[in-house]
PDB file of all heavy atoms in Angstrom:
ATOM      1  N   ALA A   1      44.563 -22.341 122.671  1.00  0.00           N
ATOM      2  CA  ALA A   1      45.180 -23.645 122.444  1.00  0.00           C
ATOM      3  C   ALA A   1      46.468 -23.743 123.241  1.00  0.00           C
ATOM      4  O   ALA A   1      47.128 -22.749 123.492  1.00  0.00           O
ATOM      5  CB  ALA A   1      45.472 -23.847 120.956  1.00  0.00           C
ATOM      6  N   LYS A   2      46.813 -24.942 123.616  1.00  0.00           N
ATOM      7  CA  LYS A   2      48.073 -25.163 124.312  1.00  0.00           C
ATOM      8  C   LYS A   2      49.225 -25.051 123.330  1.00  0.00           C
ATOM      9  O   LYS A   2      49.062 -25.234 122.129  1.00  0.00           O
ATOM     10  CB  LYS A   2      48.079 -26.550 124.957  1.00  0.00           C
ATOM     11  CG  LYS A   2      47.076 -26.724 126.086  1.00  0.00           C
ATOM     12  CD  LYS A   2      47.197 -28.109 126.686  1.00  0.00           C
ATOM     13  CE  LYS A   2      46.218 -28.282 127.835  1.00  0.00           C
ATOM     14  NZ  LYS A   2      46.297 -29.636 128.432  1.00  0.00           N
ATOM     15  N   ARG A   3      50.411 -24.774 123.885  1.00  0.00           N
ATOM     16  CA  ARG A   3      51.588 -24.730 123.022  1.00  0.00           C
ATOM     17  C   ARG A   3      51.932 -26.141 122.554  1.00  0.00           C
ATOM     18  O   ARG A   3      51.657 -27.127 123.242  1.00  0.00           O
ATOM     19  CB  ARG A   3      52.784 -24.146 123.782  1.00  0.00           C
ATOM     20  CG  ARG A   3      52.715 -22.639 123.987  1.00  0.00           C
ATOM     21  CD  ARG A   3      54.089 -22.119 124.368  1.00  0.00           C
ATOM     22  NE  ARG A   3      54.082 -20.664 124.440  1.00  0.00           N
ATOM     23  CZ  ARG A   3      54.061 -19.980 125.579  1.00  0.00           C
ATOM     24  NH1 ARG A   3      54.017 -20.612 126.722  1.00  0.00           N
ATOM     25  NH2 ARG A   3      54.073 -18.667 125.563  1.00  0.00           N
ATOM     26  N   PRO A   4      52.571 -26.266 121.374  1.00  0.00           N
ATOM     27  CA  PRO A   4      53.021 -27.586 120.917  1.00  0.00           C
ATOM     28  C   PRO A   4      54.028 -28.181 121.888  1.00  0.00           C
ATOM     29  O   PRO A   4      54.663 -27.476 122.672  1.00  0.00           O
ATOM     30  CB  PRO A   4      53.677 -27.288 119.560  1.00  0.00           C
ATOM     31  CG  PRO A   4      53.082 -25.998 119.128  1.00  0.00           C
ATOM     32  CD  PRO A   4      52.820 -25.228 120.377  1.00  0.00           C
ATOM     33  N   ILE A   5      54.176 -29.488 121.836  1.00  0.00           N
ATOM     34  CA  ILE A   5      55.101 -30.193 122.724  1.00  0.00           C
ATOM     35  C   ILE A   5      56.481 -30.216 122.084  1.00  0.00           C
ATOM     36  O   ILE A   5      56.659 -30.713 120.978  1.00  0.00           O
ATOM     37  CB  ILE A   5      54.614 -31.628 122.977  1.00  0.00           C
ATOM     38  CG1 ILE A   5      53.245 -31.605 123.655  1.00  0.00           C
ATOM     39  CG2 ILE A   5      55.615 -32.388 123.842  1.00  0.00           C
ATOM     40  CD1 ILE A   5      52.623 -32.971 123.810  1.00  0.00           C
ATOM     41  N   TYR A   6      57.469 -29.703 122.810  1.00  0.00           N
ATOM     42  CA  TYR A   6      58.840 -29.704 122.322  1.00  0.00           C
ATOM     43  C   TYR A   6      59.730 -30.635 123.148  1.00  0.00           C
ATOM     44  O   TYR A   6      60.892 -30.796 122.846  1.00  0.00           O
ATOM     45  CB  TYR A   6      59.438 -28.290 122.385  1.00  0.00           C
ATOM     46  CG  TYR A   6      58.806 -27.329 121.406  1.00  0.00           C
ATOM     47  CD1 TYR A   6      57.779 -26.490 121.781  1.00  0.00           C
ATOM     48  CD2 TYR A   6      59.247 -27.282 120.095  1.00  0.00           C
ATOM     49  CE1 TYR A   6      57.206 -25.602 120.888  1.00  0.00           C
ATOM     50  CE2 TYR A   6      58.678 -26.407 119.178  1.00  0.00           C
ATOM     51  CZ  TYR A   6      57.660 -25.567 119.590  1.00  0.00           C
ATOM     52  OH  TYR A   6      57.101 -24.702 118.700  1.00  0.00           O
ATOM     53  N   SER A   7      59.200 -31.211 124.213  1.00  0.00           N
ATOM     54  CA  SER A   7      60.005 -31.952 125.172  1.00  0.00           C
ATOM     55  C   SER A   7      60.631 -33.191 124.545  1.00  0.00           C
ATOM     56  O   SER A   7      60.006 -33.888 123.762  1.00  0.00           O
ATOM     57  CB  SER A   7      59.165 -32.366 126.373  1.00  0.00           C
ATOM     58  OG  SER A   7      58.572 -31.231 126.975  1.00  0.00           O
ATOM     59  N   ARG A   8      61.847 -33.447 124.938  1.00  0.00           N
ATOM     60  CA  ARG A   8      62.510 -34.685 124.593  1.00  0.00           C
ATOM     61  C   ARG A   8      62.998 -35.395 125.857  1.00  0.00           C
ATOM     62  O   ARG A   8      63.270 -36.575 125.842  1.00  0.00           O
ATOM     63  CB  ARG A   8      63.709 -34.421 123.666  1.00  0.00           C
ATOM     64  CG  ARG A   8      63.306 -33.848 122.312  1.00  0.00           C
ATOM     65  CD  ARG A   8      62.479 -34.833 121.514  1.00  0.00           C
ATOM     66  NE  ARG A   8      62.111 -34.280 120.222  1.00  0.00           N
ATOM     67  CZ  ARG A   8      61.032 -33.580 119.985  1.00  0.00           C
ATOM     68  NH1 ARG A   8      60.174 -33.342 120.981  1.00  0.00           N
ATOM     69  NH2 ARG A   8      60.755 -33.122 118.777  1.00  0.00           N
ATOM     70  N   VAL A   9      63.171 -34.677 126.920  1.00  0.00           N
ATOM     71  CA  VAL A   9      63.564 -35.235 128.215  1.00  0.00           C
ATOM     72  C   VAL A   9      62.669 -34.598 129.260  1.00  0.00           C
ATOM     73  O   VAL A   9      61.798 -33.790 128.960  1.00  0.00           O
ATOM     74  CB  VAL A   9      65.054 -34.951 128.521  1.00  0.00           C
ATOM     75  CG1 VAL A   9      65.954 -35.655 127.539  1.00  0.00           C
ATOM     76  CG2 VAL A   9      65.331 -33.459 128.522  1.00  0.00           C
ATOM     77  N   GLY A  10      62.889 -34.960 130.519  1.00  0.00           N
ATOM     78  CA  GLY A  10      62.070 -34.403 131.581  1.00  0.00           C
ATOM     79  C   GLY A  10      62.273 -32.920 131.738  1.00  0.00           C
ATOM     80  O   GLY A  10      63.369 -32.390 131.506  1.00  0.00           O
ATOM     81  N   PRO A  11      61.230 -32.183 132.125  1.00  0.00           N
ATOM     82  CA  PRO A  11      61.344 -30.731 132.311  1.00  0.00           C
ATOM     83  C   PRO A  11      62.424 -30.374 133.323  1.00  0.00           C
ATOM     84  O   PRO A  11      62.635 -31.067 134.310  1.00  0.00           O
ATOM     85  CB  PRO A  11      59.954 -30.342 132.823  1.00  0.00           C
ATOM     86  CG  PRO A  11      59.057 -31.432 132.356  1.00  0.00           C
ATOM     87  CD  PRO A  11      59.889 -32.682 132.388  1.00  0.00           C
ATOM     88  N   GLY A  12      63.116 -29.277 133.042  1.00  0.00           N
ATOM     89  CA  GLY A  12      64.147 -28.794 133.954  1.00  0.00           C
ATOM     90  C   GLY A  12      65.508 -29.407 133.751  1.00  0.00           C
ATOM     91  O   GLY A  12      66.454 -29.070 134.454  1.00  0.00           O
ATOM     92  N   GLN A  13      65.647 -30.314 132.795  1.00  0.00           N
ATOM     93  CA  GLN A  13      66.943 -30.935 132.532  1.00  0.00           C
ATOM     94  C   GLN A  13      67.638 -30.236 131.376  1.00  0.00           C
ATOM     95  O   GLN A  13      66.997 -29.771 130.440  1.00  0.00           O
ATOM     96  CB  GLN A  13      66.770 -32.417 132.212  1.00  0.00           C
ATOM     97  CG  GLN A  13      66.165 -33.226 133.354  1.00  0.00           C
ATOM     98  CD  GLN A  13      66.119 -34.694 133.029  1.00  0.00           C
ATOM     99  OE1 GLN A  13      66.869 -35.182 132.195  1.00  0.00           O
ATOM    100  NE2 GLN A  13      65.232 -35.413 133.701  1.00  0.00           N
ATOM    101  N   ALA A  14      68.948 -30.202 131.454  1.00  0.00           N
ATOM    102  CA  ALA A  14      69.739 -29.592 130.379  1.00  0.00           C
ATOM    103  C   ALA A  14      69.869 -30.571 129.224  1.00  0.00           C
ATOM    104  O   ALA A  14      70.131 -31.753 129.417  1.00  0.00           O
ATOM    105  CB  ALA A  14      71.119 -29.202 130.894  1.00  0.00           C
ATOM    106  N   ILE A  15      69.679 -30.078 128.011  1.00  0.00           N
ATOM    107  CA  ILE A  15      69.752 -30.911 126.815  1.00  0.00           C
ATOM    108  C   ILE A  15      71.111 -30.697 126.164  1.00  0.00           C
ATOM    109  O   ILE A  15      71.482 -29.575 125.835  1.00  0.00           O
ATOM    110  CB  ILE A  15      68.630 -30.556 125.834  1.00  0.00           C
ATOM    111  CG1 ILE A  15      67.271 -30.658 126.537  1.00  0.00           C
ATOM    112  CG2 ILE A  15      68.659 -31.456 124.615  1.00  0.00           C
ATOM    113  CD1 ILE A  15      66.130 -30.167 125.686  1.00  0.00           C
ATOM    114  N   ALA A  16      71.856 -31.770 125.992  1.00  0.00           N
ATOM    115  CA  ALA A  16      73.209 -31.661 125.453  1.00  0.00           C
ATOM    116  C   ALA A  16      73.174 -31.208 124.003  1.00  0.00           C
ATOM    117  O   ALA A  16      72.245 -31.515 123.257  1.00  0.00           O
ATOM    118  CB  ALA A  16      73.929 -33.005 125.562  1.00  0.00           C
ATOM    119  N   THR A  17      74.193 -30.474 123.598  1.00  0.00           N
ATOM    120  CA  THR A  17      74.305 -30.016 122.215  1.00  0.00           C
ATOM    121  C   THR A  17      74.421 -31.220 121.287  1.00  0.00           C
ATOM    122  O   THR A  17      75.323 -32.038 121.451  1.00  0.00           O
ATOM    123  CB  THR A  17      75.552 -29.118 122.061  1.00  0.00           C
ATOM    124  OG1 THR A  17      75.492 -28.078 123.015  1.00  0.00           O
ATOM    125  CG2 THR A  17      75.622 -28.536 120.658  1.00  0.00           C
ATOM    126  N   PRO A  18      73.556 -31.382 120.298  1.00  0.00           N
ATOM    127  CA  PRO A  18      73.515 -32.599 119.475  1.00  0.00           C
ATOM    128  C   PRO A  18      74.494 -32.605 118.323  1.00  0.00           C
ATOM    129  O   PRO A  18      74.143 -32.856 117.194  1.00  0.00           O
ATOM    130  CB  PRO A  18      72.072 -32.589 118.973  1.00  0.00           C
ATOM    131  CG  PRO A  18      71.773 -31.140 118.816  1.00  0.00           C
ATOM    132  CD  PRO A  18      72.491 -30.445 119.953  1.00  0.00           C
ATOM    133  N   ARG A  19      75.750 -32.279 118.584  1.00  0.00           N
ATOM    134  CA  ARG A  19      76.743 -32.318 117.529  1.00  0.00           C
ATOM    135  C   ARG A  19      78.122 -32.222 118.177  1.00  0.00           C
ATOM    136  O   ARG A  19      78.250 -31.894 119.343  1.00  0.00           O
ATOM    137  CB  ARG A  19      76.559 -31.174 116.529  1.00  0.00           C
ATOM    138  CG  ARG A  19      77.128 -29.852 116.979  1.00  0.00           C
ATOM    139  CD  ARG A  19      76.630 -28.761 116.123  1.00  0.00           C
ATOM    140  NE  ARG A  19      75.600 -27.924 116.570  1.00  0.00           N
ATOM    141  CZ  ARG A  19      74.623 -28.073 117.417  1.00  0.00           C
ATOM    142  NH1 ARG A  19      74.452 -29.089 117.969  1.00  0.00           N
ATOM    143  NH2 ARG A  19      73.740 -27.255 117.785  1.00  0.00           N
ATOM    144  N   ARG A  20      79.163 -32.495 117.421  1.00  0.00           N
ATOM    145  CA  ARG A  20      80.520 -32.370 117.925  1.00  0.00           C
ATOM    146  C   ARG A  20      81.087 -31.046 117.436  1.00  0.00           C
ATOM    147  O   ARG A  20      81.629 -30.948 116.339  1.00  0.00           O
ATOM    148  CB  ARG A  20      81.357 -33.536 117.444  1.00  0.00           C
ATOM    149  CG  ARG A  20      81.025 -34.852 118.111  1.00  0.00           C
ATOM    150  CD  ARG A  20      81.303 -34.825 119.613  1.00  0.00           C
ATOM    151  NE  ARG A  20      82.687 -34.478 119.881  1.00  0.00           N
ATOM    152  CZ  ARG A  20      83.661 -35.395 119.937  1.00  0.00           C
ATOM    153  NH1 ARG A  20      83.391 -36.665 119.734  1.00  0.00           N
ATOM    154  NH2 ARG A  20      84.898 -35.021 120.198  1.00  0.00           N
ATOM    155  N   TYR A  21      80.967 -30.039 118.266  1.00  0.00           N
ATOM    156  CA  TYR A  21      81.456 -28.716 117.897  1.00  0.00           C
ATOM    157  C   TYR A  21      82.960 -28.734 117.653  1.00  0.00           C
ATOM    158  O   TYR A  21      83.464 -28.070 116.745  1.00  0.00           O
ATOM    159  CB  TYR A  21      81.106 -27.734 119.016  1.00  0.00           C
ATOM    160  CG  TYR A  21      81.765 -26.371 118.874  1.00  0.00           C
ATOM    161  CD1 TYR A  21      81.237 -25.407 118.023  1.00  0.00           C
ATOM    162  CD2 TYR A  21      82.910 -26.045 119.595  1.00  0.00           C
ATOM    163  CE1 TYR A  21      81.834 -24.169 117.886  1.00  0.00           C
ATOM    164  CE2 TYR A  21      83.509 -24.807 119.467  1.00  0.00           C
ATOM    165  CZ  TYR A  21      82.972 -23.876 118.615  1.00  0.00           C
ATOM    166  OH  TYR A  21      83.562 -22.650 118.485  1.00  0.00           O
ATOM    167  N   ASP A  22      83.683 -29.511 118.468  1.00  0.00           N
ATOM    168  CA  ASP A  22      85.135 -29.544 118.320  1.00  0.00           C
ATOM    169  C   ASP A  22      85.543 -30.119 116.965  1.00  0.00           C
ATOM    170  O   ASP A  22      86.510 -29.656 116.342  1.00  0.00           O
ATOM    171  CB  ASP A  22      85.778 -30.345 119.461  1.00  0.00           C
ATOM    172  CG  ASP A  22      85.232 -31.761 119.557  1.00  0.00           C
ATOM    173  OD1 ASP A  22      84.114 -31.998 119.061  1.00  0.00           O
ATOM    174  OD2 ASP A  22      85.916 -32.617 120.143  1.00  0.00           O
ATOM    175  N   LYS A  23      84.784 -31.103 116.475  1.00  0.00           N
ATOM    176  CA  LYS A  23      85.096 -31.677 115.168  1.00  0.00           C
ATOM    177  C   LYS A  23      84.813 -30.680 114.039  1.00  0.00           C
ATOM    178  O   LYS A  23      85.600 -30.543 113.101  1.00  0.00           O
ATOM    179  CB  LYS A  23      84.276 -32.942 114.948  1.00  0.00           C
ATOM    180  CG  LYS A  23      84.612 -34.092 115.887  1.00  0.00           C
ATOM    181  CD  LYS A  23      86.000 -34.617 115.630  1.00  0.00           C
ATOM    182  CE  LYS A  23      86.281 -35.837 116.490  1.00  0.00           C
ATOM    183  NZ  LYS A  23      87.653 -36.376 116.269  1.00  0.00           N
ATOM    184  N   LEU A  24      83.685 -29.987 114.160  1.00  0.00           N
ATOM    185  CA  LEU A  24      83.357 -28.984 113.148  1.00  0.00           C
ATOM    186  C   LEU A  24      84.403 -27.875 113.118  1.00  0.00           C
ATOM    187  O   LEU A  24      84.822 -27.424 112.053  1.00  0.00           O
ATOM    188  CB  LEU A  24      81.978 -28.389 113.425  1.00  0.00           C
ATOM    189  CG  LEU A  24      80.772 -29.313 113.240  1.00  0.00           C
ATOM    190  CD1 LEU A  24      79.505 -28.616 113.699  1.00  0.00           C
ATOM    191  CD2 LEU A  24      80.642 -29.751 111.801  1.00  0.00           C
ATOM    192  N   ALA A  25      84.816 -27.435 114.311  1.00  0.00           N
ATOM    193  CA  ALA A  25      85.797 -26.353 114.391  1.00  0.00           C
ATOM    194  C   ALA A  25      87.158 -26.789 113.859  1.00  0.00           C
ATOM    195  O   ALA A  25      87.834 -26.040 113.151  1.00  0.00           O
ATOM    196  CB  ALA A  25      85.921 -25.866 115.834  1.00  0.00           C
ATOM    197  N   LYS A  26      87.549 -28.030 114.183  1.00  0.00           N
ATOM    198  CA  LYS A  26      88.872 -28.499 113.769  1.00  0.00           C
ATOM    199  C   LYS A  26      88.938 -28.771 112.274  1.00  0.00           C
ATOM    200  O   LYS A  26      89.817 -28.263 111.574  1.00  0.00           O
ATOM    201  CB  LYS A  26      89.238 -29.761 114.553  1.00  0.00           C
ATOM    202  CG  LYS A  26      90.627 -30.305 114.231  1.00  0.00           C
ATOM    203  CD  LYS A  26      90.952 -31.531 115.071  1.00  0.00           C
ATOM    204  CE  LYS A  26      92.344 -32.070 114.737  1.00  0.00           C
ATOM    205  NZ  LYS A  26      92.666 -33.276 115.536  1.00  0.00           N
ATOM    206  N   GLU A  27      88.012 -29.598 111.782  1.00  0.00           N
ATOM    207  CA  GLU A  27      88.054 -29.985 110.372  1.00  0.00           C
ATOM    208  C   GLU A  27      87.607 -28.854 109.447  1.00  0.00           C
ATOM    209  O   GLU A  27      88.139 -28.685 108.353  1.00  0.00           O
ATOM    210  CB  GLU A  27      87.164 -31.214 110.143  1.00  0.00           C
ATOM    211  CG  GLU A  27      87.656 -32.479 110.805  1.00  0.00           C
ATOM    212  CD  GLU A  27      88.904 -33.046 110.140  1.00  0.00           C
ATOM    213  OE1 GLU A  27      89.079 -32.834 108.933  1.00  0.00           O
ATOM    214  OE2 GLU A  27      89.703 -33.689 110.840  1.00  0.00           O
ATOM    215  N   GLY A  28      86.611 -28.084 109.891  1.00  0.00           N
ATOM    216  CA  GLY A  28      86.034 -27.092 109.004  1.00  0.00           C
ATOM    217  C   GLY A  28      86.645 -25.718 109.086  1.00  0.00           C
ATOM    218  O   GLY A  28      86.603 -24.961 108.122  1.00  0.00           O
ATOM    219  N   TYR A  29      87.211 -25.355 110.239  1.00  0.00           N
ATOM    220  CA  TYR A  29      87.767 -24.001 110.391  1.00  0.00           C
ATOM    221  C   TYR A  29      89.287 -24.028 110.531  1.00  0.00           C
ATOM    222  O   TYR A  29      89.988 -23.297 109.838  1.00  0.00           O
ATOM    223  CB  TYR A  29      87.143 -23.326 111.608  1.00  0.00           C
ATOM    224  CG  TYR A  29      87.571 -21.886 111.793  1.00  0.00           C
ATOM    225  CD1 TYR A  29      87.009 -20.877 111.018  1.00  0.00           C
ATOM    226  CD2 TYR A  29      88.539 -21.536 112.727  1.00  0.00           C
ATOM    227  CE1 TYR A  29      87.399 -19.551 111.172  1.00  0.00           C
ATOM    228  CE2 TYR A  29      88.933 -20.215 112.896  1.00  0.00           C
ATOM    229  CZ  TYR A  29      88.365 -19.233 112.118  1.00  0.00           C
ATOM    230  OH  TYR A  29      88.770 -17.926 112.277  1.00  0.00           O
ATOM    231  N   LEU A  30      89.794 -24.873 111.417  1.00  0.00           N
ATOM    232  CA  LEU A  30      91.233 -24.880 111.676  1.00  0.00           C
ATOM    233  C   LEU A  30      92.038 -25.509 110.545  1.00  0.00           C
ATOM    234  O   LEU A  30      93.203 -25.169 110.350  1.00  0.00           O
ATOM    235  CB  LEU A  30      91.529 -25.619 112.981  1.00  0.00           C
ATOM    236  CG  LEU A  30      90.907 -25.040 114.256  1.00  0.00           C
ATOM    237  CD1 LEU A  30      91.288 -25.877 115.469  1.00  0.00           C
ATOM    238  CD2 LEU A  30      91.363 -23.597 114.460  1.00  0.00           C
ATOM    239  N   GLN A  31      91.418 -26.440 109.778  1.00  0.00           N
ATOM    240  CA  GLN A  31      92.186 -27.190 108.790  1.00  0.00           C
ATOM    241  C   GLN A  31      91.691 -27.008 107.357  1.00  0.00           C
ATOM    242  O   GLN A  31      92.206 -27.653 106.453  1.00  0.00           O
ATOM    243  CB  GLN A  31      92.170 -28.684 109.143  1.00  0.00           C
ATOM    244  CG  GLN A  31      92.845 -29.003 110.470  1.00  0.00           C
ATOM    245  CD  GLN A  31      92.907 -30.492 110.761  1.00  0.00           C
ATOM    246  OE1 GLN A  31      92.467 -31.314 109.974  1.00  0.00           O
ATOM    247  NE2 GLN A  31      93.450 -30.835 111.909  1.00  0.00           N
ATOM    248  N   ASN A  32      90.706 -26.156 107.154  1.00  0.00           N
ATOM    249  CA  ASN A  32      90.205 -25.954 105.792  1.00  0.00           C
ATOM    250  C   ASN A  32      90.297 -24.481 105.428  1.00  0.00           C
ATOM    251  O   ASN A  32      89.614 -23.645 106.026  1.00  0.00           O
ATOM    252  CB  ASN A  32      88.757 -26.445 105.667  1.00  0.00           C
ATOM    253  CG  ASN A  32      88.282 -26.440 104.230  1.00  0.00           C
ATOM    254  OD1 ASN A  32      87.825 -25.429 103.722  1.00  0.00           O
ATOM    255  ND2 ASN A  32      88.398 -27.575 103.551  1.00  0.00           N
ATOM    256  N   VAL A  33      91.110 -24.179 104.470  1.00  0.00           N
ATOM    257  CA  VAL A  33      91.384 -22.783 104.136  1.00  0.00           C
ATOM    258  C   VAL A  33      90.165 -22.092 103.535  1.00  0.00           C
ATOM    259  O   VAL A  33      89.972 -20.881 103.752  1.00  0.00           O
ATOM    260  CB  VAL A  33      92.587 -22.702 103.174  1.00  0.00           C
ATOM    261  CG1 VAL A  33      92.280 -23.346 101.838  1.00  0.00           C
ATOM    262  CG2 VAL A  33      93.036 -21.257 102.977  1.00  0.00           C
ATOM    263  N   ILE A  34      89.315 -22.812 102.808  1.00  0.00           N
ATOM    264  CA  ILE A  34      88.144 -22.197 102.193  1.00  0.00           C
ATOM    265  C   ILE A  34      87.127 -21.800 103.263  1.00  0.00           C
ATOM    266  O   ILE A  34      86.613 -20.673 103.266  1.00  0.00           O
ATOM    267  CB  ILE A  34      87.504 -23.139 101.162  1.00  0.00           C
ATOM    268  CG1 ILE A  34      88.526 -23.502 100.067  1.00  0.00           C
ATOM    269  CG2 ILE A  34      86.276 -22.495 100.545  1.00  0.00           C
ATOM    270  CD1 ILE A  34      89.036 -22.321  99.282  1.00  0.00           C
ATOM    271  N   ALA A  35      86.819 -22.723 104.178  1.00  0.00           N
ATOM    272  CA  ALA A  35      85.885 -22.411 105.260  1.00  0.00           C
ATOM    273  C   ALA A  35      86.443 -21.312 106.155  1.00  0.00           C
ATOM    274  O   ALA A  35      85.718 -20.406 106.582  1.00  0.00           O
ATOM    275  CB  ALA A  35      85.579 -23.662 106.078  1.00  0.00           C
ATOM    276  N   TYR A  36      87.742 -21.380 106.432  1.00  0.00           N
ATOM    277  CA  TYR A  36      88.387 -20.349 107.266  1.00  0.00           C
ATOM    278  C   TYR A  36      88.237 -18.977 106.623  1.00  0.00           C
ATOM    279  O   TYR A  36      87.849 -18.004 107.271  1.00  0.00           O
ATOM    280  CB  TYR A  36      89.854 -20.700 107.451  1.00  0.00           C
ATOM    281  CG  TYR A  36      90.658 -19.633 108.161  1.00  0.00           C
ATOM    282  CD1 TYR A  36      90.721 -19.586 109.551  1.00  0.00           C
ATOM    283  CD2 TYR A  36      91.369 -18.665 107.439  1.00  0.00           C
ATOM    284  CE1 TYR A  36      91.453 -18.604 110.202  1.00  0.00           C
ATOM    285  CE2 TYR A  36      92.100 -17.689 108.079  1.00  0.00           C
ATOM    286  CZ  TYR A  36      92.141 -17.665 109.461  1.00  0.00           C
ATOM    287  OH  TYR A  36      92.864 -16.680 110.099  1.00  0.00           O
ATOM    288  N   ARG A  37      88.520 -18.914 105.328  1.00  0.00           N
ATOM    289  CA  ARG A  37      88.439 -17.642 104.623  1.00  0.00           C
ATOM    290  C   ARG A  37      87.000 -17.139 104.543  1.00  0.00           C
ATOM    291  O   ARG A  37      86.729 -15.954 104.766  1.00  0.00           O
ATOM    292  CB  ARG A  37      89.012 -17.817 103.211  1.00  0.00           C
ATOM    293  CG  ARG A  37      88.804 -16.624 102.278  1.00  0.00           C
ATOM    294  CD  ARG A  37      89.459 -15.365 102.802  1.00  0.00           C
ATOM    295  NE  ARG A  37      89.318 -14.272 101.844  1.00  0.00           N
ATOM    296  CZ  ARG A  37      89.484 -12.998 102.152  1.00  0.00           C
ATOM    297  NH1 ARG A  37      89.787 -12.654 103.399  1.00  0.00           N
ATOM    298  NH2 ARG A  37      89.365 -12.067 101.232  1.00  0.00           N
ATOM    299  N   ALA A  38      86.051 -18.027 104.250  1.00  0.00           N
ATOM    300  CA  ALA A  38      84.660 -17.617 104.116  1.00  0.00           C
ATOM    301  C   ALA A  38      84.108 -17.105 105.441  1.00  0.00           C
ATOM    302  O   ALA A  38      83.435 -16.066 105.492  1.00  0.00           O
ATOM    303  CB  ALA A  38      83.824 -18.794 103.612  1.00  0.00           C
ATOM    304  N   ILE A  39      84.375 -17.816 106.526  1.00  0.00           N
ATOM    305  CA  ILE A  39      83.877 -17.408 107.851  1.00  0.00           C
ATOM    306  C   ILE A  39      84.476 -16.077 108.261  1.00  0.00           C
ATOM    307  O   ILE A  39      83.770 -15.176 108.737  1.00  0.00           O
ATOM    308  CB  ILE A  39      84.181 -18.503 108.890  1.00  0.00           C
ATOM    309  CG1 ILE A  39      83.348 -19.756 108.592  1.00  0.00           C
ATOM    310  CG2 ILE A  39      83.894 -17.994 110.308  1.00  0.00           C
ATOM    311  CD1 ILE A  39      83.710 -20.949 109.441  1.00  0.00           C
ATOM    312  N   ASN A  40      85.774 -15.927 108.086  1.00  0.00           N
ATOM    313  CA  ASN A  40      86.423 -14.676 108.474  1.00  0.00           C
ATOM    314  C   ASN A  40      85.977 -13.516 107.594  1.00  0.00           C
ATOM    315  O   ASN A  40      85.825 -12.390 108.084  1.00  0.00           O
ATOM    316  CB  ASN A  40      87.948 -14.833 108.405  1.00  0.00           C
ATOM    317  CG  ASN A  40      88.523 -15.455 109.641  1.00  0.00           C
ATOM    318  OD1 ASN A  40      88.795 -14.793 110.631  1.00  0.00           O
ATOM    319  ND2 ASN A  40      88.690 -16.769 109.610  1.00  0.00           N
ATOM    320  N   LEU A  41      85.753 -13.783 106.324  1.00  0.00           N
ATOM    321  CA  LEU A  41      85.316 -12.730 105.408  1.00  0.00           C
ATOM    322  C   LEU A  41      83.979 -12.166 105.850  1.00  0.00           C
ATOM    323  O   LEU A  41      83.787 -10.946 105.934  1.00  0.00           O
ATOM    324  CB  LEU A  41      85.222 -13.290 103.992  1.00  0.00           C
ATOM    325  CG  LEU A  41      84.920 -12.303 102.870  1.00  0.00           C
ATOM    326  CD1 LEU A  41      86.070 -11.311 102.717  1.00  0.00           C
ATOM    327  CD2 LEU A  41      84.695 -13.048 101.555  1.00  0.00           C
ATOM    328  N   VAL A  42      83.031 -13.052 106.157  1.00  0.00           N
ATOM    329  CA  VAL A  42      81.703 -12.612 106.572  1.00  0.00           C
ATOM    330  C   VAL A  42      81.751 -11.978 107.960  1.00  0.00           C
ATOM    331  O   VAL A  42      81.156 -10.913 108.191  1.00  0.00           O
ATOM    332  CB  VAL A  42      80.718 -13.800 106.552  1.00  0.00           C
ATOM    333  CG1 VAL A  42      79.366 -13.380 107.115  1.00  0.00           C
ATOM    334  CG2 VAL A  42      80.556 -14.328 105.133  1.00  0.00           C
ATOM    335  N   ALA A  43      82.455 -12.607 108.890  1.00  0.00           N
ATOM    336  CA  ALA A  43      82.494 -12.105 110.263  1.00  0.00           C
ATOM    337  C   ALA A  43      83.146 -10.722 110.346  1.00  0.00           C
ATOM    338  O   ALA A  43      82.648  -9.832 111.043  1.00  0.00           O
ATOM    339  CB  ALA A  43      83.237 -13.098 111.160  1.00  0.00           C
ATOM    340  N   LYS A  44      84.246 -10.533 109.641  1.00  0.00           N
ATOM    341  CA  LYS A  44      84.921  -9.232 109.668  1.00  0.00           C
ATOM    342  C   LYS A  44      84.072  -8.162 108.997  1.00  0.00           C
ATOM    343  O   LYS A  44      84.059  -7.003 109.448  1.00  0.00           O
ATOM    344  CB  LYS A  44      86.283  -9.342 108.979  1.00  0.00           C
ATOM    345  CG  LYS A  44      87.312 -10.117 109.782  1.00  0.00           C
ATOM    346  CD  LYS A  44      88.657 -10.155 109.076  1.00  0.00           C
ATOM    347  CE  LYS A  44      89.689 -10.901 109.919  1.00  0.00           C
ATOM    348  NZ  LYS A  44      91.014 -10.964 109.226  1.00  0.00           N
TER     349      LYS A  44
END
């Protein structure tokens, strides 16, 4: 069987990241002490 179709744009094109990483990092990590602590606790 052929592989399922995953395409959303033409083949060979770069697909942009579908979210605002800078917003997640700023609001969720840089400005929220609970998320900051939880992420660092697990990562360390």
